[in-house]
């Protein structure tokens, strides 16, 4: 089981957004860590019914995932995929050793978890333990509801409105220390940053202009969702008689002007 978890984490890191990754996410969110803690609490087959073990595993997985997510969100690592997978993996490893410690003296037949549908449905038909049968049905319904809600949530559009972040950076990659002076014809370099939060891949380009004249441009670039692009753009100071010139950087998305930023450049006299 531990080896299966580790393989699951590696596959999730390697595959892109797809139905496979969605299925692995469902297993991780609704089963993985909860089954580990259930194995610690009820290490033997006769301790708890198989269906109840599966249903309780899904509930505990949601609780454990929420707790770890809250802890990571308030830590220096942040709530990101790799820190979350590492924390879940460490949790399962700890559970593995606890299960080994509890099961070390148990006979092999007491540790095997078997599924027999005939026994399950026969138990539902008997009236010897109506409360247990009722609770089993409720747990199964909750489990199936959790799977349905989780899959529907994956298909929903995020609540945050789609947008693209656009900013300029100085030499030290901070929003300061920009090149703000030069003579007519001089070439200056500034770095730009683009963050695609549009939930779909887009084609971007930046065109710099001053006094109605194009003074620089970037190559068209394709940026995937949540991807960040930071690159330099070179522009020149046009011939002007003014003491300052406004250089405007326009961000185009799919050949449509999307956002703009500008710098005021002091024009030095020769």
C-alpha atoms as a PDB file:
ATOM      1  CA  UNK A   1       0.000   0.000   0.000  1.00  0.00           C
ATOM      2  CA  UNK A   2       2.837   2.381   0.844  1.00  0.00           C
ATOM      3  CA  UNK A   3       4.575   1.591  -2.442  1.00  0.00           C
ATOM      4  CA  UNK A   4       1.302   2.250  -4.269  1.00  0.00           C
ATOM      5  CA  UNK A   5       1.038   5.679  -2.622  1.00  0.00           C
ATOM      6  CA  UNK A   6       4.588   6.597  -3.617  1.00  0.00           C
ATOM      7  CA  UNK A   7       3.958   5.545  -7.229  1.00  0.00           C
ATOM      8  CA  UNK A   8       0.748   7.603  -7.178  1.00  0.00           C
ATOM      9  CA  UNK A   9       2.640  10.734  -6.071  1.00  0.00           C
ATOM     10  CA  UNK A  10       5.327  10.315  -8.732  1.00  0.00           C
ATOM     11  CA  UNK A  11       2.750   9.843 -11.503  1.00  0.00           C
ATOM     12  CA  UNK A  12       0.822  12.940 -10.381  1.00  0.00           C
ATOM     13  CA  UNK A  13       4.009  15.004 -10.584  1.00  0.00           C
ATOM     14  CA  UNK A  14       4.852  13.744 -14.082  1.00  0.00           C
ATOM     15  CA  UNK A  15       1.493  13.829 -15.875  1.00  0.00           C
ATOM     16  CA  UNK A  16      -0.182  16.996 -17.098  1.00  0.00           C
ATOM     17  CA  UNK A  17      -3.809  17.986 -16.497  1.00  0.00           C
ATOM     18  CA  UNK A  18      -5.774  15.049 -17.837  1.00  0.00           C
ATOM     19  CA  UNK A  19      -8.370  12.461 -16.926  1.00  0.00           C
ATOM     20  CA  UNK A  20      -5.560  10.319 -15.472  1.00  0.00           C
ATOM     21  CA  UNK A  21      -4.458  13.092 -13.146  1.00  0.00           C
ATOM     22  CA  UNK A  22      -8.096  13.696 -12.179  1.00  0.00           C
ATOM     23  CA  UNK A  23      -8.550  10.036 -11.276  1.00  0.00           C
ATOM     24  CA  UNK A  24      -5.348  10.010  -9.225  1.00  0.00           C
ATOM     25  CA  UNK A  25      -6.449  13.181  -7.432  1.00  0.00           C
ATOM     26  CA  UNK A  26      -9.746  11.515  -6.490  1.00  0.00           C
ATOM     27  CA  UNK A  27      -7.886   8.532  -5.030  1.00  0.00           C
ATOM     28  CA  UNK A  28      -5.544  10.800  -3.099  1.00  0.00           C
ATOM     29  CA  UNK A  29      -8.284  13.072  -1.772  1.00  0.00           C
ATOM     30  CA  UNK A  30     -10.952  10.460  -0.997  1.00  0.00           C
ATOM     31  CA  UNK A  31      -9.014   7.373  -0.015  1.00  0.00           C
ATOM     32  CA  UNK A  32      -5.225   7.424   0.449  1.00  0.00           C
ATOM     33  CA  UNK A  33      -4.385   8.970   3.812  1.00  0.00           C
ATOM     34  CA  UNK A  34      -7.695   7.922   5.386  1.00  0.00           C
ATOM     35  CA  UNK A  35      -7.037   4.248   4.632  1.00  0.00           C
ATOM     36  CA  UNK A  36      -3.616   4.550   6.294  1.00  0.00           C
ATOM     37  CA  UNK A  37      -5.034   5.931   9.535  1.00  0.00           C
ATOM     38  CA  UNK A  38      -7.839   3.350   9.472  1.00  0.00           C
ATOM     39  CA  UNK A  39      -5.204   0.619   9.225  1.00  0.00           C
ATOM     40  CA  UNK A  40      -3.578   2.076  12.328  1.00  0.00           C
ATOM     41  CA  UNK A  41      -6.837   2.288  14.282  1.00  0.00           C
ATOM     42  CA  UNK A  42      -8.268  -1.051  13.091  1.00  0.00           C
ATOM     43  CA  UNK A  43      -5.335  -3.255  12.025  1.00  0.00           C
ATOM     44  CA  UNK A  44      -7.239  -6.558  11.823  1.00  0.00           C
ATOM     45  CA  UNK A  45      -9.907  -7.729   9.390  1.00  0.00           C
ATOM     46  CA  UNK A  46     -12.474  -8.467  12.089  1.00  0.00           C
ATOM     47  CA  UNK A  47     -12.082  -5.044  13.706  1.00  0.00           C
ATOM     48  CA  UNK A  48     -14.367  -3.343  11.168  1.00  0.00           C
ATOM     49  CA  UNK A  49     -16.443  -4.248   8.116  1.00  0.00           C
ATOM     50  CA  UNK A  50     -14.768  -3.789   4.712  1.00  0.00           C
ATOM     51  CA  UNK A  51     -17.366  -1.342   3.356  1.00  0.00           C
ATOM     52  CA  UNK A  52     -17.284   0.681   6.552  1.00  0.00           C
ATOM     53  CA  UNK A  53     -13.492   0.727   6.358  1.00  0.00           C
ATOM     54  CA  UNK A  54     -13.646   2.136   2.810  1.00  0.00           C
ATOM     55  CA  UNK A  55     -16.307   4.736   3.643  1.00  0.00           C
ATOM     56  CA  UNK A  56     -14.561   5.914   6.810  1.00  0.00           C
ATOM     57  CA  UNK A  57     -11.280   6.063   4.888  1.00  0.00           C
ATOM     58  CA  UNK A  58     -12.816   8.570   2.477  1.00  0.00           C
ATOM     59  CA  UNK A  59     -14.135  10.756   5.309  1.00  0.00           C
ATOM     60  CA  UNK A  60     -10.835  10.713   7.183  1.00  0.00           C
ATOM     61  CA  UNK A  61      -8.923  11.473   3.966  1.00  0.00           C
ATOM     62  CA  UNK A  62     -10.909  14.667   3.474  1.00  0.00           C
ATOM     63  CA  UNK A  63     -10.290  15.662   7.098  1.00  0.00           C
ATOM     64  CA  UNK A  64      -6.556  14.916   6.952  1.00  0.00           C
ATOM     65  CA  UNK A  65      -6.156  16.659   3.589  1.00  0.00           C
ATOM     66  CA  UNK A  66      -7.930  19.745   4.909  1.00  0.00           C
ATOM     67  CA  UNK A  67      -5.744  19.846   8.032  1.00  0.00           C
ATOM     68  CA  UNK A  68      -2.502  19.447   6.061  1.00  0.00           C
ATOM     69  CA  UNK A  69      -3.656  22.037   3.513  1.00  0.00           C
ATOM     70  CA  UNK A  70      -4.402  24.544   6.290  1.00  0.00           C
ATOM     71  CA  UNK A  71      -1.010  23.883   7.888  1.00  0.00           C
ATOM     72  CA  UNK A  72       0.846  24.321   4.583  1.00  0.00           C
ATOM     73  CA  UNK A  73      -1.080  27.489   3.709  1.00  0.00           C
ATOM     74  CA  UNK A  74       0.265  29.055   6.915  1.00  0.00           C
ATOM     75  CA  UNK A  75       3.820  27.794   6.452  1.00  0.00           C
ATOM     76  CA  UNK A  76       6.805  29.087   4.501  1.00  0.00           C
ATOM     77  CA  UNK A  77       6.262  26.428   1.794  1.00  0.00           C
ATOM     78  CA  UNK A  78       2.710  27.488   0.908  1.00  0.00           C
ATOM     79  CA  UNK A  79      -0.184  25.365  -0.335  1.00  0.00           C
ATOM     80  CA  UNK A  80       1.422  23.983  -3.494  1.00  0.00           C
ATOM     81  CA  UNK A  81       1.389  20.579  -5.158  1.00  0.00           C
ATOM     82  CA  UNK A  82       4.894  19.347  -4.293  1.00  0.00           C
ATOM     83  CA  UNK A  83       4.847  20.350  -0.569  1.00  0.00           C
ATOM     84  CA  UNK A  84       1.354  18.845  -0.258  1.00  0.00           C
ATOM     85  CA  UNK A  85       2.404  15.524  -1.830  1.00  0.00           C
ATOM     86  CA  UNK A  86       5.525  15.396   0.347  1.00  0.00           C
ATOM     87  CA  UNK A  87       3.506  15.993   3.524  1.00  0.00           C
ATOM     88  CA  UNK A  88       0.954  13.321   2.560  1.00  0.00           C
ATOM     89  CA  UNK A  89       3.785  10.896   1.747  1.00  0.00           C
ATOM     90  CA  UNK A  90       5.442  11.500   5.131  1.00  0.00           C
ATOM     91  CA  UNK A  91       2.086  11.004   6.856  1.00  0.00           C
ATOM     92  CA  UNK A  92       1.578   7.650   5.115  1.00  0.00           C
ATOM     93  CA  UNK A  93       5.127   6.528   5.931  1.00  0.00           C
ATOM     94  CA  UNK A  94       4.528   7.242   9.622  1.00  0.00           C
ATOM     95  CA  UNK A  95       1.245   5.303   9.434  1.00  0.00           C
ATOM     96  CA  UNK A  96       3.045   2.422   7.711  1.00  0.00           C
ATOM     97  CA  UNK A  97       5.483   1.996  10.601  1.00  0.00           C
ATOM     98  CA  UNK A  98       2.669   2.303  13.150  1.00  0.00           C
ATOM     99  CA  UNK A  99       0.721  -0.422  11.323  1.00  0.00           C
ATOM    100  CA  UNK A 100       3.826  -2.623  11.196  1.00  0.00           C
ATOM    101  CA  UNK A 101       4.327  -2.116  14.937  1.00  0.00           C
ATOM    102  CA  UNK A 102       0.720  -3.062  15.731  1.00  0.00           C
ATOM    103  CA  UNK A 103       0.566  -6.044  13.344  1.00  0.00           C
ATOM    104  CA  UNK A 104       3.933  -7.616  14.063  1.00  0.00           C
ATOM    105  CA  UNK A 105       2.414 -10.332  16.302  1.00  0.00           C
ATOM    106  CA  UNK A 106      -0.849 -10.900  14.404  1.00  0.00           C
ATOM    107  CA  UNK A 107      -1.440 -14.074  12.352  1.00  0.00           C
ATOM    108  CA  UNK A 108      -1.473 -13.493   8.586  1.00  0.00           C
ATOM    109  CA  UNK A 109      -5.144 -14.400   8.225  1.00  0.00           C
ATOM    110  CA  UNK A 110      -6.121 -11.610  10.613  1.00  0.00           C
ATOM    111  CA  UNK A 111      -4.430  -8.955   8.474  1.00  0.00           C
ATOM    112  CA  UNK A 112      -5.954  -9.758   5.092  1.00  0.00           C
ATOM    113  CA  UNK A 113      -8.796  -7.464   3.986  1.00  0.00           C
ATOM    114  CA  UNK A 114     -11.113  -9.408   1.683  1.00  0.00           C
ATOM    115  CA  UNK A 115     -14.109  -8.202  -0.298  1.00  0.00           C
ATOM    116  CA  UNK A 116     -17.022 -10.537  -0.949  1.00  0.00           C
ATOM    117  CA  UNK A 117     -20.093  -8.897  -2.480  1.00  0.00           C
ATOM    118  CA  UNK A 118     -22.326 -11.870  -1.565  1.00  0.00           C
ATOM    119  CA  UNK A 119     -21.513 -11.474   2.125  1.00  0.00           C
ATOM    120  CA  UNK A 120     -22.079  -7.725   1.896  1.00  0.00           C
ATOM    121  CA  UNK A 121     -25.544  -7.952   0.301  1.00  0.00           C
ATOM    122  CA  UNK A 122     -26.492 -10.865   2.554  1.00  0.00           C
ATOM    123  CA  UNK A 123     -25.684  -8.739   5.543  1.00  0.00           C
ATOM    124  CA  UNK A 124     -27.906  -5.930   4.274  1.00  0.00           C
ATOM    125  CA  UNK A 125     -30.847  -8.344   3.959  1.00  0.00           C
ATOM    126  CA  UNK A 126     -30.592  -9.715   7.481  1.00  0.00           C
ATOM    127  CA  UNK A 127     -32.339  -7.991  10.357  1.00  0.00           C
ATOM    128  CA  UNK A 128     -29.980  -9.218  13.089  1.00  0.00           C
ATOM    129  CA  UNK A 129     -28.073  -5.941  13.048  1.00  0.00           C
ATOM    130  CA  UNK A 130     -30.345  -3.368  11.453  1.00  0.00           C
ATOM    131  CA  UNK A 131     -28.442  -0.417  12.933  1.00  0.00           C
ATOM    132  CA  UNK A 132     -25.150  -1.621  11.469  1.00  0.00           C
ATOM    133  CA  UNK A 133     -26.734  -2.220   8.060  1.00  0.00           C
ATOM    134  CA  UNK A 134     -28.298   1.231   8.086  1.00  0.00           C
ATOM    135  CA  UNK A 135     -24.986   2.876   8.995  1.00  0.00           C
ATOM    136  CA  UNK A 136     -23.223   0.924   6.243  1.00  0.00           C
ATOM    137  CA  UNK A 137     -25.709   2.184   3.638  1.00  0.00           C
ATOM    138  CA  UNK A 138     -25.324   5.768   4.907  1.00  0.00           C
ATOM    139  CA  UNK A 139     -21.527   5.539   4.710  1.00  0.00           C
ATOM    140  CA  UNK A 140     -21.672   4.187   1.162  1.00  0.00           C
ATOM    141  CA  UNK A 141     -23.999   7.033   0.143  1.00  0.00           C
ATOM    142  CA  UNK A 142     -21.664   9.598   1.702  1.00  0.00           C
ATOM    143  CA  UNK A 143     -18.705   8.053  -0.105  1.00  0.00           C
ATOM    144  CA  UNK A 144     -20.418   8.116  -3.506  1.00  0.00           C
ATOM    145  CA  UNK A 145     -21.628  11.666  -2.867  1.00  0.00           C
ATOM    146  CA  UNK A 146     -18.091  12.736  -2.032  1.00  0.00           C
ATOM    147  CA  UNK A 147     -16.783  11.254  -5.282  1.00  0.00           C
ATOM    148  CA  UNK A 148     -19.521  12.998  -7.277  1.00  0.00           C
ATOM    149  CA  UNK A 149     -18.984  16.392  -5.605  1.00  0.00           C
ATOM    150  CA  UNK A 150     -15.213  16.149  -6.033  1.00  0.00           C
ATOM    151  CA  UNK A 151     -15.420  15.341  -9.741  1.00  0.00           C
ATOM    152  CA  UNK A 152     -17.970  18.106 -10.325  1.00  0.00           C
ATOM    153  CA  UNK A 153     -15.742  20.601  -8.528  1.00  0.00           C
ATOM    154  CA  UNK A 154     -12.848  19.736 -10.830  1.00  0.00           C
ATOM    155  CA  UNK A 155     -14.983  20.660 -13.837  1.00  0.00           C
ATOM    156  CA  UNK A 156     -16.214  23.972 -12.435  1.00  0.00           C
ATOM    157  CA  UNK A 157     -14.664  27.232 -13.559  1.00  0.00           C
ATOM    158  CA  UNK A 158     -12.620  28.781 -10.721  1.00  0.00           C
ATOM    159  CA  UNK A 159     -14.321  31.608  -8.837  1.00  0.00           C
ATOM    160  CA  UNK A 160     -11.473  34.044  -9.472  1.00  0.00           C
ATOM    161  CA  UNK A 161     -12.051  36.099 -12.651  1.00  0.00           C
ATOM    162  CA  UNK A 162      -9.598  35.369 -15.490  1.00  0.00           C
ATOM    163  CA  UNK A 163      -6.817  37.916 -15.775  1.00  0.00           C
ATOM    164  CA  UNK A 164      -3.201  38.411 -16.827  1.00  0.00           C
ATOM    165  CA  UNK A 165      -0.664  40.095 -14.573  1.00  0.00           C
ATOM    166  CA  UNK A 166       1.755  42.471 -16.299  1.00  0.00           C
ATOM    167  CA  UNK A 167       4.606  44.313 -14.572  1.00  0.00           C
ATOM    168  CA  UNK A 168       8.042  45.844 -15.174  1.00  0.00           C
ATOM    169  CA  UNK A 169      11.177  45.024 -13.193  1.00  0.00           C
ATOM    170  CA  UNK A 170      14.473  46.805 -12.670  1.00  0.00           C
ATOM    171  CA  UNK A 171      17.991  45.377 -12.788  1.00  0.00           C
ATOM    172  CA  UNK A 172      17.623  43.607  -9.421  1.00  0.00           C
ATOM    173  CA  UNK A 173      14.269  42.093 -10.480  1.00  0.00           C
ATOM    174  CA  UNK A 174      12.372  44.452  -8.174  1.00  0.00           C
ATOM    175  CA  UNK A 175       9.841  47.126  -9.083  1.00  0.00           C
ATOM    176  CA  UNK A 176      12.486  49.847  -8.731  1.00  0.00           C
ATOM    177  CA  UNK A 177      15.822  51.010 -10.172  1.00  0.00           C
ATOM    178  CA  UNK A 178      14.479  51.295 -13.726  1.00  0.00           C
ATOM    179  CA  UNK A 179      16.611  52.848 -16.488  1.00  0.00           C
ATOM    180  CA  UNK A 180      15.136  56.356 -16.449  1.00  0.00           C
ATOM    181  CA  UNK A 181      17.719  58.499 -18.262  1.00  0.00           C
ATOM    182  CA  UNK A 182      19.546  58.557 -21.567  1.00  0.00           C
ATOM    183  CA  UNK A 183      20.265  60.482 -24.729  1.00  0.00           C
ATOM    184  CA  UNK A 184      18.288  60.347 -27.977  1.00  0.00           C
ATOM    185  CA  UNK A 185      19.052  57.122 -29.825  1.00  0.00           C
ATOM    186  CA  UNK A 186      20.376  55.309 -26.743  1.00  0.00           C
ATOM    187  CA  UNK A 187      19.190  51.731 -26.179  1.00  0.00           C
ATOM    188  CA  UNK A 188      17.850  50.818 -22.745  1.00  0.00           C
ATOM    189  CA  UNK A 189      16.779  47.471 -21.331  1.00  0.00           C
ATOM    190  CA  UNK A 190      13.997  46.738 -18.859  1.00  0.00           C
ATOM    191  CA  UNK A 191      12.564  43.409 -17.752  1.00  0.00           C
ATOM    192  CA  UNK A 192       8.868  42.589 -17.991  1.00  0.00           C
ATOM    193  CA  UNK A 193       6.813  39.945 -16.214  1.00  0.00           C
ATOM    194  CA  UNK A 194       3.660  38.204 -17.439  1.00  0.00           C
ATOM    195  CA  UNK A 195       1.561  35.795 -15.357  1.00  0.00           C
ATOM    196  CA  UNK A 196      -1.205  33.973 -17.231  1.00  0.00           C
ATOM    197  CA  UNK A 197      -4.229  33.499 -14.941  1.00  0.00           C
ATOM    198  CA  UNK A 198      -6.728  33.169 -17.798  1.00  0.00           C
ATOM    199  CA  UNK A 199      -7.214  29.365 -17.284  1.00  0.00           C
ATOM    200  CA  UNK A 200      -6.170  28.769 -20.904  1.00  0.00           C
ATOM    201  CA  UNK A 201      -3.029  29.092 -23.002  1.00  0.00           C
ATOM    202  CA  UNK A 202      -2.576  32.489 -24.665  1.00  0.00           C
ATOM    203  CA  UNK A 203      -0.227  34.203 -27.111  1.00  0.00           C
ATOM    204  CA  UNK A 204       1.331  37.433 -25.824  1.00  0.00           C
ATOM    205  CA  UNK A 205       3.517  40.185 -27.254  1.00  0.00           C
ATOM    206  CA  UNK A 206       4.787  43.512 -25.908  1.00  0.00           C
ATOM    207  CA  UNK A 207       5.262  46.601 -28.077  1.00  0.00           C
ATOM    208  CA  UNK A 208       7.008  49.710 -26.710  1.00  0.00           C
ATOM    209  CA  UNK A 209       6.202  53.095 -28.242  1.00  0.00           C
ATOM    210  CA  UNK A 210       7.065  56.744 -27.622  1.00  0.00           C
ATOM    211  CA  UNK A 211       5.702  59.852 -29.345  1.00  0.00           C
ATOM    212  CA  UNK A 212       3.628  57.630 -31.627  1.00  0.00           C
ATOM    213  CA  UNK A 213       6.710  55.689 -32.773  1.00  0.00           C
ATOM    214  CA  UNK A 214       7.505  52.038 -32.067  1.00  0.00           C
ATOM    215  CA  UNK A 215      10.775  51.914 -30.128  1.00  0.00           C
ATOM    216  CA  UNK A 216      10.935  48.235 -29.208  1.00  0.00           C
ATOM    217  CA  UNK A 217       9.052  44.948 -29.166  1.00  0.00           C
ATOM    218  CA  UNK A 218       9.239  41.389 -27.889  1.00  0.00           C
ATOM    219  CA  UNK A 219       8.788  38.188 -29.816  1.00  0.00           C
ATOM    220  CA  UNK A 220       5.300  36.602 -29.644  1.00  0.00           C
ATOM    221  CA  UNK A 221       5.251  34.047 -26.830  1.00  0.00           C
ATOM    222  CA  UNK A 222       2.833  31.307 -25.838  1.00  0.00           C
ATOM    223  CA  UNK A 223       2.220  31.146 -22.081  1.00  0.00           C
ATOM    224  CA  UNK A 224       0.326  28.309 -20.414  1.00  0.00           C
ATOM    225  CA  UNK A 225      -2.154  28.771 -17.533  1.00  0.00           C
ATOM    226  CA  UNK A 226      -0.493  29.768 -14.210  1.00  0.00           C
ATOM    227  CA  UNK A 227       2.858  30.072 -16.031  1.00  0.00           C
ATOM    228  CA  UNK A 228       5.103  33.113 -15.442  1.00  0.00           C
ATOM    229  CA  UNK A 229       7.307  34.658 -18.127  1.00  0.00           C
ATOM    230  CA  UNK A 230      10.087  37.117 -17.154  1.00  0.00           C
ATOM    231  CA  UNK A 231      12.293  38.398 -19.994  1.00  0.00           C
ATOM    232  CA  UNK A 232      14.173  41.569 -20.994  1.00  0.00           C
ATOM    233  CA  UNK A 233      12.944  43.950 -23.663  1.00  0.00           C
ATOM    234  CA  UNK A 234      15.209  46.455 -25.389  1.00  0.00           C
ATOM    235  CA  UNK A 235      13.968  49.877 -26.516  1.00  0.00           C
ATOM    236  CA  UNK A 236      15.582  53.101 -27.736  1.00  0.00           C
ATOM    237  CA  UNK A 237      14.970  56.731 -26.901  1.00  0.00           C
ATOM    238  CA  UNK A 238      13.498  58.578 -29.904  1.00  0.00           C
ATOM    239  CA  UNK A 239      14.741  61.937 -31.106  1.00  0.00           C
ATOM    240  CA  UNK A 240      12.882  64.637 -29.211  1.00  0.00           C
ATOM    241  CA  UNK A 241      13.346  68.196 -28.055  1.00  0.00           C
ATOM    242  CA  UNK A 242      11.538  67.597 -24.763  1.00  0.00           C
ATOM    243  CA  UNK A 243      13.245  67.002 -21.440  1.00  0.00           C
ATOM    244  CA  UNK A 244      11.190  63.847 -20.820  1.00  0.00           C
ATOM    245  CA  UNK A 245       9.625  61.239 -23.042  1.00  0.00           C
ATOM    246  CA  UNK A 246       6.926  58.763 -22.119  1.00  0.00           C
ATOM    247  CA  UNK A 247       7.697  55.200 -23.203  1.00  0.00           C
ATOM    248  CA  UNK A 248       4.564  53.060 -23.145  1.00  0.00           C
ATOM    249  CA  UNK A 249       4.682  49.255 -22.985  1.00  0.00           C
ATOM    250  CA  UNK A 250       1.484  47.694 -24.337  1.00  0.00           C
ATOM    251  CA  UNK A 251       0.760  44.020 -23.665  1.00  0.00           C
ATOM    252  CA  UNK A 252      -1.132  42.301 -26.482  1.00  0.00           C
ATOM    253  CA  UNK A 253      -3.028  39.059 -25.914  1.00  0.00           C
ATOM    254  CA  UNK A 254      -4.170  37.309 -29.092  1.00  0.00           C
ATOM    255  CA  UNK A 255      -3.266  40.523 -31.018  1.00  0.00           C
ATOM    256  CA  UNK A 256      -5.599  42.612 -28.841  1.00  0.00           C
ATOM    257  CA  UNK A 257      -4.269  45.346 -26.546  1.00  0.00           C
ATOM    258  CA  UNK A 258      -4.777  44.051 -23.016  1.00  0.00           C
ATOM    259  CA  UNK A 259      -2.768  46.139 -20.537  1.00  0.00           C
ATOM    260  CA  UNK A 260      -0.225  48.952 -20.656  1.00  0.00           C
ATOM    261  CA  UNK A 261       2.535  50.354 -18.472  1.00  0.00           C
ATOM    262  CA  UNK A 262       4.844  53.314 -19.001  1.00  0.00           C
ATOM    263  CA  UNK A 263       8.126  54.848 -17.909  1.00  0.00           C
ATOM    264  CA  UNK A 264       9.133  58.521 -18.017  1.00  0.00           C
ATOM    265  CA  UNK A 265      12.665  58.770 -19.427  1.00  0.00           C
ATOM    266  CA  UNK A 266      14.804  61.852 -18.797  1.00  0.00           C
ATOM    267  CA  UNK A 267      16.382  62.946 -22.073  1.00  0.00           C
ATOM    268  CA  UNK A 268      19.945  64.120 -21.553  1.00  0.00           C
ATOM    269  CA  UNK A 269      21.399  66.759 -23.884  1.00  0.00           C
ATOM    270  CA  UNK A 270      24.691  65.959 -25.604  1.00  0.00           C
END
